[in-house]
Amino acid sequence: MTKINSGVGGAAVLAALISPPPVWTFGVVGAVAAVVNLAPGPRSVGRWAVVGYRRVRERAAPASLTGAPGETVTWTLYPDHGAMQDPRARAGFHEAFARALVLVAGQARTAGIQVHVTHDAVVGDGTEHTQTVSVHVPRGVVGRPARVLGTLEAEFARLGRLAVAEPAPVGVVCERGPGWVGLDDGRYASTARVTAWPDTTDGALMSRLLLGQGQGAGHHASDRSFSVLYRPLPSTQSRRSARLRSAAAEAFTTDQVKQDAHRVAGDTAHDALVQGGVLVDVDAYLTVWGDSPESVTDARWQASLAADVHRVRLDWLTGQQHRAHVMTTPHGASTRKGAVL
């Protein structure tokens, strides 16, 4: 698809150059629209162009990446002991967090409030776990951000031990390689975006993928960080988005099996919206750490194998590692959508 669009776009531009204006103007606009809109995905020409521009212009994560205007608060969160191991307690935890996201969506008429959750696993003689929850309220979305943050703090306090925390500064990129970056603290990082989840799980996906439980001795020997960025949509936008998504799926899908799959997903979303739920835009990132380029490359390979076993698809964001490693820190809460493609 990328090659076809490149060829069509090039032909349109060349044809436009020999045509009198203003016809050539429409040819250039049409070629750009075709390249950007008809070739989505990790191999699109549009993404290659933007990533290449960022790689040439930015050698590290710029301050504007995490400096969006607004109010941001970070808490450390430790769920009650055994909550993640007990299926009932884990389901209750997830339901309570879902209610908090619905509350976030109801605080503003337009989308913009972001909830960012991180989990860091540092391997030593034992494994040290750190969980954080960050909330970013952009400037102008709500009239009183402090009121919203205070309400959300009360909601999250029901999930476990909650304490206000000051995030550590973002690591400065000092060295870059194929698919990894070296930071000023001596660590090497490689970050991937999660682009596909398995259809069904038994509730223990994260414990196996992130912590390596049940994978055998020595399977998880490297530090890992995992983060999820939630962008809840207000109820009005959720209904509008669900309606547009359903119409687009019916109009542009010719495969009968895919049409049936979209219909089932649409019915599920409709039932959730009727019961008071909202749609949530989710971005997830996985970072593996090492003390040398070789170790982080090996950790990346092990993470890819674990993801394949659990039917999780990873995109290792070639050319964007200087930005991507920020997303698994609490500073990722204030990043704008599209900061990492």
Protein backbone atom coordinates (compact mmCIF):
# COMPACT_ATOMS: atom_id res chain seq x y z
CA MET A 1 0.00 0.00 0.00
CA THR A 2 2.82 2.40 0.81
CA LYS A 3 4.55 1.78 -2.54
CA ILE A 4 1.29 2.16 -4.43
CA ASN A 5 0.52 5.44 -2.73
CA SER A 6 4.07 6.67 -3.35
CA GLY A 7 3.78 5.84 -7.02
CA VAL A 8 0.34 7.38 -7.40
CA GLY A 9 1.40 10.47 -5.47
CA GLY A 10 4.56 10.88 -7.52
CA ALA A 11 2.64 10.47 -10.77
CA ALA A 12 0.07 13.05 -9.65
CA VAL A 13 2.78 15.54 -8.73
CA LEU A 14 4.63 15.06 -12.03
CA ALA A 15 1.39 15.40 -13.97
CA ALA A 16 0.54 18.51 -12.00
CA LEU A 17 3.86 20.15 -12.88
CA ILE A 18 3.06 20.08 -16.59
CA SER A 19 -0.53 21.26 -16.12
CA PRO A 20 -1.47 24.95 -16.03
CA PRO A 21 -2.56 26.36 -12.69
CA PRO A 22 -4.77 26.07 -10.77
CA VAL A 23 -5.19 22.44 -11.85
CA TRP A 24 -1.76 21.45 -10.50
CA THR A 25 -2.75 22.80 -7.06
CA PHE A 26 -5.54 20.26 -6.79
CA GLY A 27 -3.14 17.54 -7.96
CA VAL A 28 -0.65 18.27 -5.18
CA VAL A 29 -3.38 18.45 -2.53
CA GLY A 30 -4.86 15.18 -3.76
CA ALA A 31 -1.47 13.45 -3.72
CA VAL A 32 -0.76 14.57 -0.16
CA ALA A 33 -4.22 13.49 0.98
CA ALA A 34 -3.77 10.08 -0.65
CA VAL A 35 -0.40 9.48 1.01
CA VAL A 36 -1.58 10.59 4.45
CA ASN A 37 -5.04 9.03 4.50
CA LEU A 38 -4.80 5.91 2.34
CA ALA A 39 -1.65 4.47 3.94
CA PRO A 40 -2.21 4.43 7.70
CA GLY A 41 -0.19 2.26 10.02
CA PRO A 42 3.44 1.80 11.06
CA ARG A 43 4.71 1.66 7.46
CA SER A 44 2.88 4.65 6.02
CA VAL A 45 4.75 7.35 4.14
CA GLY A 46 3.23 9.97 6.43
CA ARG A 47 4.63 8.32 9.53
CA TRP A 48 8.03 7.82 7.92
CA ALA A 49 8.18 11.51 7.05
CA VAL A 50 7.23 12.71 10.54
CA VAL A 51 9.52 10.25 12.32
CA GLY A 52 12.41 11.14 10.03
CA TYR A 53 11.87 14.84 10.68
CA ARG A 54 11.82 14.30 14.44
CA ARG A 55 14.93 12.16 14.34
CA VAL A 56 16.88 14.83 12.45
CA ARG A 57 15.56 17.80 14.44
CA GLU A 58 15.38 16.31 17.96
CA ARG A 59 18.24 14.39 19.51
CA ALA A 60 16.43 14.08 22.85
CA ALA A 61 12.94 14.48 24.25
CA PRO A 62 12.12 18.21 24.06
CA ALA A 63 10.70 20.08 27.02
CA SER A 64 7.50 20.70 25.10
CA LEU A 65 6.83 16.96 25.07
CA THR A 66 5.88 16.92 28.76
CA GLY A 67 5.37 20.62 29.35
CA ALA A 68 1.74 20.96 28.27
CA PRO A 69 -0.02 23.74 30.22
CA GLY A 70 -2.35 22.56 32.94
CA GLU A 71 -2.41 20.86 36.33
CA THR A 72 -0.74 17.48 36.90
CA VAL A 73 -0.65 15.42 40.08
CA THR A 74 1.10 12.07 40.64
CA TRP A 75 0.38 9.55 43.39
CA THR A 76 2.02 6.26 44.32
CA LEU A 77 -0.59 3.53 44.55
CA TYR A 78 -0.22 0.17 46.26
CA PRO A 79 -3.34 -2.00 46.13
CA ASP A 80 -4.35 -4.05 49.14
CA HIS A 81 -2.24 -7.14 49.69
CA GLY A 82 -3.34 -10.01 47.46
CA ALA A 83 -5.74 -7.88 45.40
CA MET A 84 -4.12 -8.82 42.09
CA GLN A 85 -3.83 -12.52 42.97
CA ASP A 86 -7.45 -12.99 44.03
CA PRO A 87 -9.79 -13.08 40.99
CA ARG A 88 -12.68 -11.47 42.87
CA ALA A 89 -10.54 -8.74 44.41
CA ARG A 90 -8.89 -8.08 41.06
CA ALA A 91 -12.27 -7.76 39.34
CA GLY A 92 -13.42 -5.35 42.06
CA PHE A 93 -10.26 -3.29 41.60
CA HIS A 94 -10.85 -3.04 37.85
CA GLU A 95 -14.50 -2.09 38.34
CA ALA A 96 -13.56 0.65 40.81
CA PHE A 97 -10.94 2.01 38.42
CA ALA A 98 -13.50 1.95 35.58
CA ARG A 99 -15.90 3.97 37.73
CA ALA A 100 -13.11 6.50 38.32
CA LEU A 101 -12.59 6.84 34.56
CA VAL A 102 -16.32 7.41 34.09
CA LEU A 103 -16.08 10.12 36.74
CA VAL A 104 -13.16 11.68 34.84
CA ALA A 105 -15.23 11.73 31.65
CA GLY A 106 -18.06 13.50 33.42
CA GLN A 107 -15.90 16.35 34.70
CA ALA A 108 -15.65 18.18 31.36
CA ARG A 109 -17.72 18.65 28.24
CA THR A 110 -14.75 18.08 25.95
CA ALA A 111 -12.08 15.40 26.09
CA GLY A 112 -8.68 16.31 27.45
CA ILE A 113 -8.27 14.97 30.99
CA GLN A 114 -5.72 12.14 30.95
CA VAL A 115 -5.08 9.39 33.51
CA HIS A 116 -1.66 7.75 33.32
CA VAL A 117 -0.75 4.55 35.20
CA THR A 118 2.79 3.13 35.43
CA HIS A 119 4.27 -0.04 36.87
CA ASP A 120 8.03 -0.45 37.32
CA ALA A 121 9.64 -3.79 38.14
CA VAL A 122 13.28 -3.51 39.24
CA VAL A 123 15.03 -6.87 39.51
CA GLY A 124 17.76 -7.40 42.11
CA ASP A 125 18.02 -9.94 44.90
CA GLY A 126 14.25 -9.49 44.91
CA THR A 127 11.87 -7.62 42.63
CA GLU A 128 10.85 -4.13 43.68
CA HIS A 129 7.53 -2.88 42.33
CA THR A 130 6.43 0.73 42.05
CA GLN A 131 3.00 1.82 40.84
CA THR A 132 1.99 5.41 40.11
CA VAL A 133 -1.22 7.09 38.99
CA SER A 134 -1.03 10.55 37.40
CA VAL A 135 -3.83 12.85 36.30
CA HIS A 136 -3.35 15.75 33.90
CA VAL A 137 -6.03 18.42 33.50
CA PRO A 138 -5.21 20.70 30.53
CA ARG A 139 -5.66 24.40 30.88
CA GLY A 140 -9.11 25.57 29.87
CA VAL A 141 -10.85 22.18 29.99
CA VAL A 142 -12.47 22.76 33.39
CA GLY A 143 -12.89 25.87 35.47
CA ARG A 144 -11.49 24.51 38.75
CA PRO A 145 -8.82 21.81 38.21
CA ALA A 146 -8.13 21.52 41.95
CA ARG A 147 -11.70 20.42 42.56
CA VAL A 148 -11.43 17.72 39.89
CA LEU A 149 -8.08 16.47 41.20
CA GLY A 150 -9.38 16.35 44.76
CA THR A 151 -12.40 14.30 43.72
CA LEU A 152 -10.23 11.88 41.76
CA GLU A 153 -7.83 11.53 44.68
CA ALA A 154 -10.74 10.39 46.84
CA GLU A 155 -11.74 7.87 44.17
CA PHE A 156 -8.25 6.43 43.78
CA ALA A 157 -7.75 6.28 47.56
CA ARG A 158 -10.36 3.49 47.63
CA LEU A 159 -8.10 1.29 45.50
CA GLY A 160 -5.29 1.00 48.07
CA ARG A 161 -2.60 3.06 49.75
CA LEU A 162 -2.32 6.39 47.96
CA ALA A 163 0.36 9.03 48.56
CA VAL A 164 1.35 12.15 46.64
CA ALA A 165 4.71 11.70 44.90
CA GLU A 166 7.15 13.90 43.02
CA PRO A 167 8.27 12.17 39.79
CA ALA A 168 11.98 11.91 39.14
CA PRO A 169 13.32 14.08 36.31
CA VAL A 170 13.15 12.66 32.81
CA GLY A 171 16.39 10.92 31.85
CA VAL A 172 18.48 12.73 29.28
CA VAL A 173 19.34 10.76 26.14
CA CYS A 174 23.13 10.62 25.73
CA GLU A 175 23.49 7.80 23.22
CA ARG A 176 21.32 6.34 20.48
CA GLY A 177 21.38 3.07 18.63
CA PRO A 178 19.14 0.91 16.43
CA GLY A 179 16.01 0.60 18.56
CA TRP A 180 17.47 1.76 21.91
CA VAL A 181 18.73 4.85 23.74
CA GLY A 182 21.33 5.35 26.47
CA LEU A 183 20.43 7.68 29.33
CA ASP A 184 22.60 9.89 31.50
CA ASP A 185 22.17 7.56 34.51
CA GLY A 186 24.00 4.74 32.72
CA ARG A 187 20.92 2.71 31.80
CA TYR A 188 19.82 1.70 28.32
CA ALA A 189 16.16 1.59 27.34
CA SER A 190 14.06 0.22 24.51
CA THR A 191 10.36 1.07 24.35
CA ALA A 192 7.49 -0.44 22.37
CA ARG A 193 3.88 0.57 21.92
CA VAL A 194 1.28 -2.15 22.45
CA THR A 195 -0.76 -2.14 19.24
CA ALA A 196 -2.93 -5.24 19.73
CA TRP A 197 -4.27 -7.18 22.72
CA PRO A 198 -5.52 -10.78 22.84
CA ASP A 199 -9.28 -11.17 22.49
CA THR A 200 -9.63 -13.12 25.74
CA THR A 201 -7.42 -13.55 28.82
CA ASP A 202 -7.71 -15.27 32.16
CA GLY A 203 -6.97 -12.08 34.09
CA ALA A 204 -3.28 -12.83 34.68
CA LEU A 205 -1.84 -11.41 31.45
CA MET A 206 0.13 -8.60 33.10
CA SER A 207 1.59 -10.82 35.80
CA ARG A 208 3.02 -13.11 33.11
CA LEU A 209 4.02 -10.48 30.55
CA LEU A 210 5.43 -7.89 32.96
CA LEU A 211 6.59 -9.97 35.89
CA GLY A 212 7.39 -13.25 34.16
CA GLN A 213 5.34 -15.37 36.55
CA GLY A 214 4.77 -18.91 35.40
CA GLN A 215 7.42 -18.66 32.68
CA GLY A 216 10.13 -20.67 34.37
CA ALA A 217 13.21 -19.73 36.36
CA GLY A 218 15.36 -16.97 34.91
CA HIS A 219 12.80 -15.95 32.31
CA HIS A 220 12.40 -12.39 33.58
CA ALA A 221 15.91 -11.21 34.49
CA SER A 222 15.69 -7.58 33.34
CA ASP A 223 13.96 -4.47 34.60
CA ARG A 224 10.72 -3.60 32.88
CA SER A 225 8.31 -0.68 32.94
CA PHE A 226 4.74 -0.70 31.72
CA SER A 227 2.36 2.22 31.36
CA VAL A 228 -1.17 2.85 30.15
CA LEU A 229 -2.50 6.27 29.20
CA TYR A 230 -6.28 6.63 29.42
CA ARG A 231 -8.18 9.40 27.66
CA PRO A 232 -11.87 9.09 28.67
CA LEU A 233 -14.38 10.67 26.31
CA PRO A 234 -17.41 12.53 27.70
CA SER A 235 -20.72 10.73 27.31
CA THR A 236 -21.84 12.87 24.36
CA GLN A 237 -18.59 12.30 22.47
CA SER A 238 -18.66 8.60 23.39
CA ARG A 239 -22.06 8.13 21.80
CA ARG A 240 -21.06 10.14 18.74
CA SER A 241 -17.80 8.22 18.34
CA ALA A 242 -19.54 4.84 18.71
CA ARG A 243 -22.11 5.84 16.08
CA LEU A 244 -19.47 7.04 13.61
CA ARG A 245 -17.31 3.98 14.17
CA SER A 246 -20.23 1.66 13.52
CA ALA A 247 -21.18 3.53 10.34
CA ALA A 248 -17.59 3.50 9.06
CA ALA A 249 -17.24 -0.23 9.76
CA GLU A 250 -20.40 -0.99 7.80
CA ALA A 251 -19.47 1.28 4.90
CA PHE A 252 -15.84 0.33 4.35
CA THR A 253 -15.75 -3.36 5.33
CA THR A 254 -16.61 -5.91 2.66
CA ASP A 255 -15.56 -9.08 4.50
CA GLN A 256 -18.67 -10.63 6.03
CA VAL A 257 -16.73 -12.10 8.94
CA LYS A 258 -15.23 -8.71 9.79
CA GLN A 259 -18.67 -7.13 9.49
CA ASP A 260 -20.04 -9.60 12.01
CA ALA A 261 -17.08 -8.93 14.34
CA HIS A 262 -17.69 -5.17 14.12
CA ARG A 263 -21.38 -5.73 14.79
CA VAL A 264 -20.66 -7.75 17.93
CA ALA A 265 -18.20 -5.12 19.15
CA GLY A 266 -20.75 -2.40 18.41
CA ASP A 267 -23.46 -4.20 20.37
CA THR A 268 -21.10 -4.57 23.33
CA ALA A 269 -20.19 -0.88 23.23
CA HIS A 270 -23.86 0.08 22.91
CA ASP A 271 -24.80 -1.98 25.98
CA ALA A 272 -21.97 -0.37 27.97
CA LEU A 273 -23.04 3.12 26.94
CA VAL A 274 -26.64 2.38 27.91
CA GLN A 275 -25.45 1.30 31.36
CA GLY A 276 -23.60 4.60 31.84
CA GLY A 277 -20.14 3.72 30.57
CA VAL A 278 -17.94 5.83 28.32
CA LEU A 279 -15.41 5.15 25.59
CA VAL A 280 -11.76 5.40 26.59
CA ASP A 281 -8.84 5.94 24.23
CA VAL A 282 -5.97 3.77 25.47
CA ASP A 283 -2.23 3.93 24.74
CA ALA A 284 0.05 1.31 26.32
CA TYR A 285 3.86 1.18 26.32
CA LEU A 286 6.45 -1.36 27.47
CA THR A 287 10.07 -0.42 28.25
CA VAL A 288 12.86 -2.90 28.88
CA TRP A 289 16.05 -1.76 30.62
CA GLY A 290 19.66 -2.90 30.53
CA ASP A 291 23.14 -1.81 31.59
CA SER A 292 24.60 -2.16 28.08
CA PRO A 293 23.38 -2.12 24.47
CA GLU A 294 23.73 -5.90 24.30
CA SER A 295 21.70 -6.48 27.46
CA VAL A 296 18.85 -4.21 26.39
CA THR A 297 18.79 -5.83 22.96
CA ASP A 298 18.52 -9.26 24.60
CA ALA A 299 15.79 -7.97 26.95
CA ARG A 300 13.91 -6.64 23.94
CA TRP A 301 14.10 -10.05 22.29
CA GLN A 302 12.79 -11.78 25.43
CA ALA A 303 9.93 -9.27 25.65
CA SER A 304 9.02 -9.91 22.02
CA LEU A 305 8.94 -13.68 22.64
CA ALA A 306 6.71 -13.23 25.71
CA ALA A 307 4.40 -10.92 23.75
CA ASP A 308 4.10 -13.48 20.95
CA VAL A 309 3.20 -16.20 23.43
CA HIS A 310 0.40 -14.08 24.88
CA ARG A 311 -0.73 -12.74 21.48
CA VAL A 312 0.29 -9.18 22.25
CA ARG A 313 1.60 -7.13 19.33
CA LEU A 314 4.47 -4.71 19.95
CA ASP A 315 5.72 -1.86 17.76
CA TRP A 316 9.27 -0.92 18.81
CA LEU A 317 8.98 2.64 17.43
CA THR A 318 12.12 2.84 15.33
CA GLY A 319 13.47 6.38 15.25
CA GLN A 320 11.34 7.57 18.19
CA GLN A 321 13.09 5.98 21.17
CA HIS A 322 14.23 9.41 22.42
CA ARG A 323 10.54 10.24 22.92
CA ALA A 324 9.09 6.80 23.64
CA HIS A 325 10.96 6.05 26.89
CA VAL A 326 9.25 9.08 28.48
CA MET A 327 5.85 7.40 28.11
CA THR A 328 6.63 4.78 30.76
CA THR A 329 7.39 7.49 33.34
CA PRO A 330 4.79 9.58 35.21
CA HIS A 331 5.71 12.49 32.94
CA GLY A 332 3.79 10.76 30.16
CA ALA A 333 0.55 12.00 31.72
CA SER A 334 0.92 15.46 30.20
CA THR A 335 1.90 14.41 26.67
CA ARG A 336 -0.39 15.21 23.79
CA LYS A 337 -1.91 12.59 21.56
CA GLY A 338 0.40 11.98 18.61
CA ALA A 339 3.56 12.81 20.54
CA VAL A 340 4.71 9.26 19.74
CA LEU A 341 3.45 7.85 16.44
